[in-house]
């Protein structure tokens, strides 16, 4: 449920600020499967998925699954939001750690967390 709502909120934000070409990498295989119509979406979140589909019509959108270990920037942002219990929207001045993780991601270098 949380991943579906995060996808919707992210797409709406991108649409609002004029970003039209988007590659979304989700660490929920189920969310990626729902997006690609491989599994039936539960009725409890169907209204969100209807809005996701509606918003996606105006976007050049690619949704793919990646393992959590290969999605370190998103994981770091989720942990930041969870630990501070506040919403964060970064359009500039990203935290240094997230910038570093994004650079590693862009270079194709996986980041492995300490256990």
N, C-alpha and C. Protein backbone atom coordinates (compact mmCIF):
# COMPACT_ATOMS: atom_id res chain seq x y z
N UNK A 1 0.82 -1.18 0.00
CA UNK A 1 0.00 0.00 0.00
C UNK A 1 0.88 1.26 0.00
N UNK A 2 1.89 1.29 0.84
CA UNK A 2 2.75 2.47 0.95
C UNK A 2 3.49 2.73 -0.36
N UNK A 3 3.97 1.66 -1.00
CA UNK A 3 4.70 1.84 -2.26
C UNK A 3 3.80 2.38 -3.36
N UNK A 4 2.53 1.94 -3.37
CA UNK A 4 1.59 2.44 -4.37
C UNK A 4 1.33 3.92 -4.16
N UNK A 5 1.14 4.31 -2.91
CA UNK A 5 0.89 5.71 -2.62
C UNK A 5 2.13 6.57 -2.92
N UNK A 6 3.31 6.03 -2.65
CA UNK A 6 4.54 6.76 -2.96
C UNK A 6 4.69 6.95 -4.47
N UNK A 7 4.35 5.93 -5.24
CA UNK A 7 4.40 6.05 -6.70
C UNK A 7 3.44 7.14 -7.17
N UNK A 8 2.23 7.12 -6.66
CA UNK A 8 1.25 8.14 -7.03
C UNK A 8 1.74 9.54 -6.66
N UNK A 9 2.20 9.72 -5.44
CA UNK A 9 2.66 11.04 -4.99
C UNK A 9 3.85 11.51 -5.84
N UNK A 10 4.76 10.61 -6.15
CA UNK A 10 5.91 10.98 -6.98
C UNK A 10 5.50 11.38 -8.39
N UNK A 11 4.58 10.65 -8.98
CA UNK A 11 4.11 10.99 -10.32
C UNK A 11 3.37 12.32 -10.33
N UNK A 12 2.56 12.55 -9.31
CA UNK A 12 1.85 13.82 -9.23
C UNK A 12 2.82 14.99 -9.08
N UNK A 13 3.85 14.81 -8.25
CA UNK A 13 4.85 15.87 -8.07
C UNK A 13 5.57 16.14 -9.39
N UNK A 14 5.99 15.08 -10.07
CA UNK A 14 6.67 15.26 -11.36
C UNK A 14 5.78 16.00 -12.34
N UNK A 15 4.53 15.63 -12.39
CA UNK A 15 3.58 16.28 -13.29
C UNK A 15 3.42 17.76 -12.94
N UNK A 16 3.35 18.07 -11.65
CA UNK A 16 3.18 19.46 -11.21
C UNK A 16 4.37 20.34 -11.55
N UNK A 17 5.58 19.79 -11.47
CA UNK A 17 6.77 20.61 -11.74
C UNK A 17 7.23 20.52 -13.19
N UNK A 18 6.47 19.79 -14.01
CA UNK A 18 6.76 19.76 -15.44
C UNK A 18 7.71 18.69 -15.91
N UNK A 19 8.03 17.73 -15.07
CA UNK A 19 8.90 16.62 -15.48
C UNK A 19 8.01 15.59 -16.16
N UNK A 20 8.31 15.28 -17.40
CA UNK A 20 7.45 14.38 -18.17
C UNK A 20 8.11 13.04 -18.49
N UNK A 21 9.43 13.01 -18.53
CA UNK A 21 10.14 11.78 -18.86
C UNK A 21 10.72 11.20 -17.58
N UNK A 22 10.20 10.05 -17.17
CA UNK A 22 10.52 9.52 -15.84
C UNK A 22 10.84 8.03 -15.91
N UNK A 23 11.90 7.64 -15.22
CA UNK A 23 12.22 6.22 -15.02
C UNK A 23 12.07 5.96 -13.53
N UNK A 24 11.13 5.11 -13.17
CA UNK A 24 10.87 4.77 -11.78
C UNK A 24 11.38 3.36 -11.53
N UNK A 25 12.21 3.24 -10.51
CA UNK A 25 12.72 1.93 -10.11
C UNK A 25 12.18 1.63 -8.72
N UNK A 26 11.34 0.64 -8.64
CA UNK A 26 10.71 0.30 -7.36
C UNK A 26 11.31 -1.00 -6.83
N UNK A 27 11.48 -1.06 -5.51
CA UNK A 27 11.99 -2.31 -4.94
C UNK A 27 10.86 -3.24 -4.53
N UNK A 28 9.65 -2.90 -4.92
CA UNK A 28 8.51 -3.79 -4.72
C UNK A 28 8.17 -4.45 -6.05
N UNK A 29 8.48 -5.73 -6.14
CA UNK A 29 8.19 -6.46 -7.38
C UNK A 29 6.69 -6.46 -7.66
N UNK A 30 5.91 -6.46 -6.60
CA UNK A 30 4.45 -6.46 -6.74
C UNK A 30 3.97 -5.16 -7.38
N UNK A 31 4.49 -4.02 -6.95
CA UNK A 31 4.10 -2.73 -7.53
C UNK A 31 4.46 -2.70 -9.01
N UNK A 32 5.65 -3.15 -9.37
CA UNK A 32 6.04 -3.20 -10.78
C UNK A 32 5.10 -4.11 -11.55
N UNK A 33 4.72 -5.22 -10.98
CA UNK A 33 3.80 -6.15 -11.64
C UNK A 33 2.41 -5.55 -11.79
N UNK A 34 1.95 -4.82 -10.78
CA UNK A 34 0.65 -4.14 -10.89
C UNK A 34 0.70 -3.11 -12.01
N UNK A 35 1.80 -2.36 -12.09
CA UNK A 35 1.90 -1.35 -13.13
C UNK A 35 1.83 -1.99 -14.52
N UNK A 36 2.47 -3.12 -14.67
CA UNK A 36 2.50 -3.81 -15.97
C UNK A 36 1.33 -4.78 -16.17
N UNK A 37 0.35 -4.66 -15.29
CA UNK A 37 -0.90 -5.46 -15.38
C UNK A 37 -0.66 -6.96 -15.33
N UNK A 38 0.34 -7.40 -14.57
CA UNK A 38 0.63 -8.83 -14.44
C UNK A 38 -0.16 -9.48 -13.31
N UNK A 39 -0.56 -8.67 -12.33
CA UNK A 39 -1.35 -9.17 -11.21
C UNK A 39 -2.54 -8.27 -10.98
N UNK A 40 -3.57 -8.83 -10.41
CA UNK A 40 -4.77 -8.05 -10.09
C UNK A 40 -4.48 -7.14 -8.89
N UNK A 41 -4.90 -5.90 -9.01
CA UNK A 41 -4.70 -4.91 -7.95
C UNK A 41 -5.80 -5.07 -6.91
N UNK A 42 -5.46 -5.14 -5.63
CA UNK A 42 -6.49 -5.27 -4.59
C UNK A 42 -7.46 -4.08 -4.62
N UNK A 43 -8.70 -4.35 -4.35
CA UNK A 43 -9.72 -3.30 -4.40
C UNK A 43 -9.44 -2.17 -3.42
N UNK A 44 -8.73 -2.48 -2.33
CA UNK A 44 -8.47 -1.47 -1.31
C UNK A 44 -7.57 -0.33 -1.80
N UNK A 45 -6.78 -0.58 -2.85
CA UNK A 45 -5.91 0.47 -3.37
C UNK A 45 -6.20 0.76 -4.85
N UNK A 46 -7.28 0.24 -5.34
CA UNK A 46 -7.62 0.42 -6.75
C UNK A 46 -7.84 1.89 -7.10
N UNK A 47 -8.39 2.67 -6.19
CA UNK A 47 -8.61 4.09 -6.50
C UNK A 47 -7.28 4.81 -6.71
N UNK A 48 -6.25 4.44 -5.96
CA UNK A 48 -4.93 5.04 -6.16
C UNK A 48 -4.37 4.62 -7.52
N UNK A 49 -4.57 3.37 -7.87
CA UNK A 49 -4.05 2.88 -9.15
C UNK A 49 -4.79 3.49 -10.33
N UNK A 50 -6.06 3.78 -10.16
CA UNK A 50 -6.77 4.50 -11.22
C UNK A 50 -6.16 5.89 -11.42
N UNK A 51 -5.80 6.54 -10.34
CA UNK A 51 -5.16 7.86 -10.41
C UNK A 51 -3.74 7.75 -10.98
N UNK A 52 -3.02 6.68 -10.62
CA UNK A 52 -1.69 6.44 -11.19
C UNK A 52 -1.79 6.31 -12.70
N UNK A 53 -2.72 5.51 -13.17
CA UNK A 53 -2.91 5.31 -14.62
C UNK A 53 -3.30 6.63 -15.31
N UNK A 54 -4.18 7.37 -14.68
CA UNK A 54 -4.61 8.66 -15.24
C UNK A 54 -3.43 9.63 -15.36
N UNK A 55 -2.62 9.71 -14.32
CA UNK A 55 -1.47 10.60 -14.31
C UNK A 55 -0.41 10.12 -15.31
N UNK A 56 -0.21 8.82 -15.41
CA UNK A 56 0.81 8.25 -16.29
C UNK A 56 0.51 8.49 -17.77
N UNK A 57 -0.75 8.70 -18.12
CA UNK A 57 -1.11 8.92 -19.53
C UNK A 57 -0.39 10.13 -20.12
N UNK A 58 -0.12 11.14 -19.29
CA UNK A 58 0.52 12.36 -19.77
C UNK A 58 2.05 12.32 -19.63
N UNK A 59 2.59 11.18 -19.24
CA UNK A 59 4.02 11.07 -18.97
C UNK A 59 4.68 10.03 -19.86
N UNK A 60 5.96 10.20 -20.10
CA UNK A 60 6.79 9.18 -20.74
C UNK A 60 7.41 8.41 -19.58
N UNK A 61 6.75 7.33 -19.18
CA UNK A 61 7.05 6.66 -17.92
C UNK A 61 7.54 5.23 -18.12
N UNK A 62 8.63 4.91 -17.44
CA UNK A 62 9.16 3.56 -17.41
C UNK A 62 9.18 3.12 -15.95
N UNK A 63 8.54 2.01 -15.64
CA UNK A 63 8.53 1.48 -14.28
C UNK A 63 9.20 0.11 -14.31
N UNK A 64 10.21 -0.07 -13.46
CA UNK A 64 10.90 -1.35 -13.41
C UNK A 64 11.22 -1.72 -11.96
N UNK A 65 11.42 -3.00 -11.74
CA UNK A 65 11.75 -3.51 -10.41
C UNK A 65 13.27 -3.59 -10.27
N UNK A 66 13.77 -3.17 -9.12
CA UNK A 66 15.17 -3.38 -8.75
C UNK A 66 15.18 -3.90 -7.32
N UNK A 67 16.21 -4.64 -7.00
CA UNK A 67 16.32 -5.12 -5.63
C UNK A 67 16.69 -3.96 -4.71
N UNK A 68 16.26 -4.05 -3.48
CA UNK A 68 16.45 -2.96 -2.51
C UNK A 68 17.90 -2.53 -2.43
N UNK A 69 18.83 -3.48 -2.52
CA UNK A 69 20.25 -3.15 -2.42
C UNK A 69 20.71 -2.29 -3.59
N UNK A 70 19.99 -2.32 -4.70
CA UNK A 70 20.35 -1.51 -5.86
C UNK A 70 19.52 -0.24 -5.95
N UNK A 71 18.79 0.08 -4.90
CA UNK A 71 17.94 1.26 -4.88
C UNK A 71 18.29 2.10 -3.64
N UNK A 72 19.58 2.23 -3.38
CA UNK A 72 20.06 2.89 -2.17
C UNK A 72 19.59 4.34 -2.03
N UNK A 73 19.58 5.15 -3.11
CA UNK A 73 19.11 6.54 -2.91
C UNK A 73 17.66 6.61 -2.42
N UNK A 74 16.78 5.83 -3.02
CA UNK A 74 15.38 5.84 -2.58
C UNK A 74 15.24 5.30 -1.17
N UNK A 75 16.01 4.27 -0.85
CA UNK A 75 15.96 3.69 0.49
C UNK A 75 16.43 4.72 1.52
N UNK A 76 17.48 5.47 1.19
CA UNK A 76 17.97 6.50 2.11
C UNK A 76 16.93 7.60 2.33
N UNK A 77 16.26 8.00 1.26
CA UNK A 77 15.22 9.03 1.40
C UNK A 77 14.04 8.52 2.22
N UNK A 78 13.66 7.26 2.00
CA UNK A 78 12.56 6.68 2.77
C UNK A 78 12.93 6.62 4.26
N UNK A 79 14.15 6.22 4.55
CA UNK A 79 14.60 6.16 5.94
C UNK A 79 14.64 7.54 6.58
N UNK A 80 15.04 8.55 5.79
CA UNK A 80 15.06 9.92 6.30
C UNK A 80 13.64 10.37 6.67
N UNK A 81 12.70 10.10 5.80
CA UNK A 81 11.31 10.47 6.08
C UNK A 81 10.75 9.73 7.28
N UNK A 82 11.09 8.45 7.39
CA UNK A 82 10.58 7.65 8.51
C UNK A 82 11.19 8.10 9.84
N UNK A 83 12.49 8.38 9.82
CA UNK A 83 13.16 8.73 11.08
C UNK A 83 12.80 10.13 11.58
N UNK A 84 12.48 11.04 10.67
CA UNK A 84 12.15 12.39 11.09
C UNK A 84 10.65 12.62 11.22
N UNK A 85 9.87 11.69 10.67
CA UNK A 85 8.40 11.79 10.71
C UNK A 85 7.88 13.08 10.06
N UNK A 86 8.63 13.59 9.07
CA UNK A 86 8.19 14.78 8.34
C UNK A 86 8.32 14.51 6.85
N UNK A 87 7.61 15.29 6.05
CA UNK A 87 7.71 15.19 4.61
C UNK A 87 8.90 16.01 4.13
N UNK A 88 9.59 15.51 3.14
CA UNK A 88 10.70 16.23 2.53
C UNK A 88 10.48 16.26 1.03
N UNK A 89 10.58 17.42 0.43
CA UNK A 89 10.56 17.54 -1.02
C UNK A 89 11.82 18.29 -1.40
N UNK A 90 12.70 17.60 -2.13
CA UNK A 90 13.97 18.19 -2.53
C UNK A 90 13.92 18.52 -4.00
N UNK A 91 14.01 19.79 -4.33
CA UNK A 91 14.15 20.21 -5.71
C UNK A 91 15.58 20.70 -5.95
N UNK A 92 16.29 20.94 -4.87
CA UNK A 92 17.71 21.31 -4.91
C UNK A 92 18.27 21.05 -3.51
N UNK A 93 19.57 21.23 -3.35
CA UNK A 93 20.23 21.05 -2.05
C UNK A 93 19.94 19.69 -1.42
N UNK A 94 20.15 18.64 -2.20
CA UNK A 94 19.95 17.30 -1.68
C UNK A 94 20.99 17.01 -0.59
N UNK A 95 20.64 16.19 0.39
CA UNK A 95 21.63 15.80 1.40
C UNK A 95 22.83 15.11 0.73
N UNK A 96 24.02 15.38 1.24
CA UNK A 96 25.26 14.88 0.66
C UNK A 96 25.26 13.37 0.50
N UNK A 97 24.77 12.67 1.49
CA UNK A 97 24.75 11.20 1.43
C UNK A 97 23.91 10.71 0.26
N UNK A 98 22.77 11.33 0.03
CA UNK A 98 21.89 10.90 -1.06
C UNK A 98 22.52 11.24 -2.41
N UNK A 99 23.19 12.37 -2.51
CA UNK A 99 23.89 12.73 -3.75
C UNK A 99 24.95 11.67 -4.06
N UNK A 100 25.71 11.29 -3.04
CA UNK A 100 26.74 10.27 -3.23
C UNK A 100 26.15 8.94 -3.67
N UNK A 101 25.06 8.53 -3.04
CA UNK A 101 24.41 7.27 -3.42
C UNK A 101 23.86 7.34 -4.85
N UNK A 102 23.31 8.50 -5.21
CA UNK A 102 22.79 8.66 -6.57
C UNK A 102 23.91 8.59 -7.60
N UNK A 103 25.08 9.15 -7.27
CA UNK A 103 26.23 9.07 -8.18
C UNK A 103 26.68 7.63 -8.37
N UNK A 104 26.74 6.88 -7.28
CA UNK A 104 27.08 5.46 -7.38
C UNK A 104 26.06 4.73 -8.24
N UNK A 105 24.79 5.04 -8.04
CA UNK A 105 23.71 4.42 -8.79
C UNK A 105 23.86 4.71 -10.28
N UNK A 106 24.12 5.96 -10.60
CA UNK A 106 24.26 6.36 -12.00
C UNK A 106 25.44 5.66 -12.67
N UNK A 107 26.50 5.43 -11.91
CA UNK A 107 27.68 4.73 -12.45
C UNK A 107 27.49 3.22 -12.50
N UNK A 108 26.39 2.74 -11.93
CA UNK A 108 26.14 1.30 -11.91
C UNK A 108 26.89 0.58 -10.82
N UNK A 109 27.33 1.31 -9.81
CA UNK A 109 28.08 0.72 -8.71
C UNK A 109 27.10 0.46 -7.56
N UNK A 110 26.89 -0.80 -7.20
CA UNK A 110 25.95 -1.08 -6.10
C UNK A 110 26.53 -0.65 -4.76
N UNK A 111 25.64 -0.25 -3.88
CA UNK A 111 26.00 0.15 -2.53
C UNK A 111 25.50 -0.94 -1.59
N UNK A 112 26.38 -1.51 -0.82
CA UNK A 112 25.98 -2.56 0.12
C UNK A 112 26.03 -2.01 1.53
N UNK A 113 24.89 -2.11 2.20
CA UNK A 113 24.81 -1.61 3.57
C UNK A 113 25.45 -2.57 4.53
N UNK A 114 25.92 -2.03 5.65
CA UNK A 114 26.44 -2.88 6.71
C UNK A 114 25.27 -3.51 7.42
N UNK A 115 25.41 -4.75 7.78
CA UNK A 115 24.34 -5.47 8.48
C UNK A 115 24.26 -5.10 9.92
